[in-house]
C-alpha atoms as a PDB file:
ATOM      1  CA  UNK A   1     142.227  92.112 152.392  1.00  0.00           C
ATOM      2  CA  UNK A   2     140.031  94.878 151.015  1.00  0.00           C
ATOM      3  CA  UNK A   3     141.854  98.002 150.051  1.00  0.00           C
ATOM      4  CA  UNK A   4     139.926 101.205 150.301  1.00  0.00           C
ATOM      5  CA  UNK A   5     139.314 102.667 146.858  1.00  0.00           C
ATOM      6  CA  UNK A   6     140.677 106.180 146.477  1.00  0.00           C
ATOM      7  CA  UNK A   7     138.039 108.821 146.530  1.00  0.00           C
ATOM      8  CA  UNK A   8     137.286 110.951 143.503  1.00  0.00           C
ATOM      9  CA  UNK A   9     139.484 113.881 144.597  1.00  0.00           C
ATOM     10  CA  UNK A  10     142.520 111.602 144.937  1.00  0.00           C
ATOM     11  CA  UNK A  11     141.925 110.041 141.502  1.00  0.00           C
ATOM     12  CA  UNK A  12     141.564 113.462 139.926  1.00  0.00           C
ATOM     13  CA  UNK A  13     144.711 114.743 141.666  1.00  0.00           C
ATOM     14  CA  UNK A  14     146.711 111.839 140.226  1.00  0.00           C
ATOM     15  CA  UNK A  15     145.408 112.547 136.738  1.00  0.00           C
ATOM     16  CA  UNK A  16     146.189 116.261 137.069  1.00  0.00           C
ATOM     17  CA  UNK A  17     149.756 115.373 138.097  1.00  0.00           C
ATOM     18  CA  UNK A  18     150.149 112.890 135.210  1.00  0.00           C
ATOM     19  CA  UNK A  19     148.883 115.441 132.695  1.00  0.00           C
ATOM     20  CA  UNK A  20     151.618 117.893 133.724  1.00  0.00           C
ATOM     21  CA  UNK A  21     149.301 120.752 134.596  1.00  0.00           C
ATOM     22  CA  UNK A  22     151.561 121.983 137.410  1.00  0.00           C
ATOM     23  CA  UNK A  23     154.469 122.542 134.988  1.00  0.00           C
ATOM     24  CA  UNK A  24     152.529 123.683 131.915  1.00  0.00           C
ATOM     25  CA  UNK A  25     154.001 126.616 130.026  1.00  0.00           C
ATOM     26  CA  UNK A  26     151.952 126.264 126.846  1.00  0.00           C
ATOM     27  CA  UNK A  27     148.706 124.678 125.708  1.00  0.00           C
ATOM     28  CA  UNK A  28     147.977 123.595 122.129  1.00  0.00           C
ATOM     29  CA  UNK A  29     144.371 123.252 121.017  1.00  0.00           C
ATOM     30  CA  UNK A  30     143.831 121.425 117.724  1.00  0.00           C
ATOM     31  CA  UNK A  31     140.542 121.327 115.842  1.00  0.00           C
ATOM     32  CA  UNK A  32     140.050 117.659 115.020  1.00  0.00           C
ATOM     33  CA  UNK A  33     136.290 117.169 114.823  1.00  0.00           C
ATOM     34  CA  UNK A  34     135.398 113.636 113.752  1.00  0.00           C
ATOM     35  CA  UNK A  35     131.618 114.057 114.078  1.00  0.00           C
ATOM     36  CA  UNK A  36     131.013 117.191 112.007  1.00  0.00           C
ATOM     37  CA  UNK A  37     134.286 118.159 110.299  1.00  0.00           C
ATOM     38  CA  UNK A  38     134.250 121.527 108.575  1.00  0.00           C
ATOM     39  CA  UNK A  39     137.790 122.905 108.284  1.00  0.00           C
ATOM     40  CA  UNK A  40     139.425 119.566 107.363  1.00  0.00           C
ATOM     41  CA  UNK A  41     138.055 116.108 106.641  1.00  0.00           C
ATOM     42  CA  UNK A  42     137.820 113.748 109.616  1.00  0.00           C
ATOM     43  CA  UNK A  43     140.680 111.434 108.602  1.00  0.00           C
ATOM     44  CA  UNK A  44     143.036 114.346 107.970  1.00  0.00           C
ATOM     45  CA  UNK A  45     142.122 115.916 111.317  1.00  0.00           C
ATOM     46  CA  UNK A  46     142.640 112.629 113.175  1.00  0.00           C
ATOM     47  CA  UNK A  47     146.016 112.124 111.493  1.00  0.00           C
ATOM     48  CA  UNK A  48     147.034 115.635 112.616  1.00  0.00           C
ATOM     49  CA  UNK A  49     145.883 114.926 116.184  1.00  0.00           C
ATOM     50  CA  UNK A  50     147.795 111.645 116.394  1.00  0.00           C
ATOM     51  CA  UNK A  51     150.892 113.315 114.941  1.00  0.00           C
ATOM     52  CA  UNK A  52     150.702 116.131 117.489  1.00  0.00           C
ATOM     53  CA  UNK A  53     150.349 113.694 120.409  1.00  0.00           C
ATOM     54  CA  UNK A  54     153.245 111.525 119.191  1.00  0.00           C
ATOM     55  CA  UNK A  55     155.407 114.505 118.296  1.00  0.00           C
ATOM     56  CA  UNK A  56     155.013 116.153 121.699  1.00  0.00           C
ATOM     57  CA  UNK A  57     155.871 112.884 123.406  1.00  0.00           C
ATOM     58  CA  UNK A  58     158.928 112.199 121.186  1.00  0.00           C
ATOM     59  CA  UNK A  59     160.245 115.702 121.861  1.00  0.00           C
ATOM     60  CA  UNK A  60     159.756 115.329 125.617  1.00  0.00           C
ATOM     61  CA  UNK A  61     157.197 118.142 125.623  1.00  0.00           C
ATOM     62  CA  UNK A  62     154.133 116.289 126.911  1.00  0.00           C
ATOM     63  CA  UNK A  63     153.304 115.501 130.537  1.00  0.00           C
ATOM     64  CA  UNK A  64     156.257 116.907 132.547  1.00  0.00           C
ATOM     65  CA  UNK A  65     157.634 118.645 129.438  1.00  0.00           C
ATOM     66  CA  UNK A  66     155.432 121.707 129.894  1.00  0.00           C
ATOM     67  CA  UNK A  67     153.104 121.507 126.889  1.00  0.00           C
ATOM     68  CA  UNK A  68     149.468 120.506 127.295  1.00  0.00           C
ATOM     69  CA  UNK A  69     147.390 119.429 124.317  1.00  0.00           C
ATOM     70  CA  UNK A  70     143.652 119.321 123.779  1.00  0.00           C
ATOM     71  CA  UNK A  71     141.661 118.053 120.811  1.00  0.00           C
ATOM     72  CA  UNK A  72     138.617 120.239 120.256  1.00  0.00           C
ATOM     73  CA  UNK A  73     135.603 119.825 118.023  1.00  0.00           C
ATOM     74  CA  UNK A  74     135.688 123.313 116.560  1.00  0.00           C
ATOM     75  CA  UNK A  75     137.748 126.490 116.864  1.00  0.00           C
ATOM     76  CA  UNK A  76     135.140 128.385 114.784  1.00  0.00           C
ATOM     77  CA  UNK A  77     137.375 129.206 111.798  1.00  0.00           C
ATOM     78  CA  UNK A  78     135.977 126.326 109.684  1.00  0.00           C
ATOM     79  CA  UNK A  79     138.320 126.926 106.768  1.00  0.00           C
ATOM     80  CA  UNK A  80     141.946 126.151 105.974  1.00  0.00           C
ATOM     81  CA  UNK A  81     142.300 123.551 108.705  1.00  0.00           C
ATOM     82  CA  UNK A  82     143.177 121.715 110.667  1.00  0.00           C
ATOM     83  CA  UNK A  83     143.330 124.846 112.830  1.00  0.00           C
ATOM     84  CA  UNK A  84     145.443 125.083 115.987  1.00  0.00           C
ATOM     85  CA  UNK A  85     146.014 127.728 118.626  1.00  0.00           C
ATOM     86  CA  UNK A  86     148.949 127.928 121.054  1.00  0.00           C
ATOM     87  CA  UNK A  87     148.499 129.654 124.391  1.00  0.00           C
ATOM     88  CA  UNK A  88     149.563 131.730 126.275  1.00  0.00           C
ATOM     89  CA  UNK A  89     150.812 133.505 123.144  1.00  0.00           C
ATOM     90  CA  UNK A  90     147.456 133.153 121.378  1.00  0.00           C
ATOM     91  CA  UNK A  91     149.053 132.249 118.051  1.00  0.00           C
ATOM     92  CA  UNK A  92     146.489 130.736 115.654  1.00  0.00           C
ATOM     93  CA  UNK A  93     147.691 128.467 112.838  1.00  0.00           C
ATOM     94  CA  UNK A  94     146.155 127.155 109.608  1.00  0.00           C
ATOM     95  CA  UNK A  95     146.903 123.976 107.610  1.00  0.00           C
ATOM     96  CA  UNK A  96     148.145 122.020 110.634  1.00  0.00           C
ATOM     97  CA  UNK A  97     149.009 118.824 108.830  1.00  0.00           C
ATOM     98  CA  UNK A  98     151.931 116.743 110.161  1.00  0.00           C
ATOM     99  CA  UNK A  99     154.691 118.703 108.367  1.00  0.00           C
ATOM    100  CA  UNK A 100     153.353 122.021 109.684  1.00  0.00           C
ATOM    101  CA  UNK A 101     152.848 120.575 113.170  1.00  0.00           C
ATOM    102  CA  UNK A 102     156.498 119.461 113.145  1.00  0.00           C
ATOM    103  CA  UNK A 103     157.528 123.033 112.425  1.00  0.00           C
ATOM    104  CA  UNK A 104     155.204 124.386 115.126  1.00  0.00           C
ATOM    105  CA  UNK A 105     156.620 121.933 117.674  1.00  0.00           C
ATOM    106  CA  UNK A 106     160.257 122.598 116.718  1.00  0.00           C
ATOM    107  CA  UNK A 107     160.218 126.299 115.911  1.00  0.00           C
ATOM    108  CA  UNK A 108     157.479 127.611 118.203  1.00  0.00           C
ATOM    109  CA  UNK A 109     157.161 125.240 121.151  1.00  0.00           C
ATOM    110  CA  UNK A 110     160.893 124.467 121.409  1.00  0.00           C
ATOM    111  CA  UNK A 111     162.457 127.493 119.711  1.00  0.00           C
ATOM    112  CA  UNK A 112     160.008 130.171 120.849  1.00  0.00           C
ATOM    113  CA  UNK A 113     159.420 131.560 117.337  1.00  0.00           C
ATOM    114  CA  UNK A 114     155.989 131.321 115.706  1.00  0.00           C
ATOM    115  CA  UNK A 115     155.887 129.781 112.223  1.00  0.00           C
ATOM    116  CA  UNK A 116     154.880 133.017 110.497  1.00  0.00           C
ATOM    117  CA  UNK A 117     153.810 131.600 107.129  1.00  0.00           C
ATOM    118  CA  UNK A 118     151.009 129.628 108.823  1.00  0.00           C
ATOM    119  CA  UNK A 119     149.886 132.237 111.400  1.00  0.00           C
ATOM    120  CA  UNK A 120     146.324 133.451 110.811  1.00  0.00           C
ATOM    121  CA  UNK A 121     145.729 135.434 114.005  1.00  0.00           C
ATOM    122  CA  UNK A 122     147.359 136.596 117.223  1.00  0.00           C
ATOM    123  CA  UNK A 123     145.554 137.259 120.462  1.00  0.00           C
ATOM    124  CA  UNK A 124     147.329 136.810 123.759  1.00  0.00           C
ATOM    125  CA  UNK A 125     144.746 136.498 126.510  1.00  0.00           C
ATOM    126  CA  UNK A 126     145.014 139.123 129.246  1.00  0.00           C
ATOM    127  CA  UNK A 127     146.704 138.068 132.453  1.00  0.00           C
ATOM    128  CA  UNK A 128     144.261 138.774 135.269  1.00  0.00           C
ATOM    129  CA  UNK A 129     146.463 137.399 138.056  1.00  0.00           C
ATOM    130  CA  UNK A 130     147.370 139.639 140.905  1.00  0.00           C
END
């Protein structure tokens, strides 16, 4: 018996649900460029990315836990990396190696307090809703 394959919209909807977009409260972007690394060497950046993914999952923050994560090729700082930014607060961090990422996950994402000694910029994006 041939089952009808789900159409593209249904497949995308399932992926959106699995990613936790509907319950997202924060989004972490981490510069982990493997092709043209500038702010941190490629192996260091990949180690940071893997640590962030695992750490969010272990803390129950990924998927339905309310924290999205995206690996990006460049956040345009190109120094002192790996660089990360947490939205909606717009807190930018330097030196995001595993030990610093642990502090960001525990103190900022769970505790609500930025890790001041690693903050390099602040810029909350304007809320245009309404």
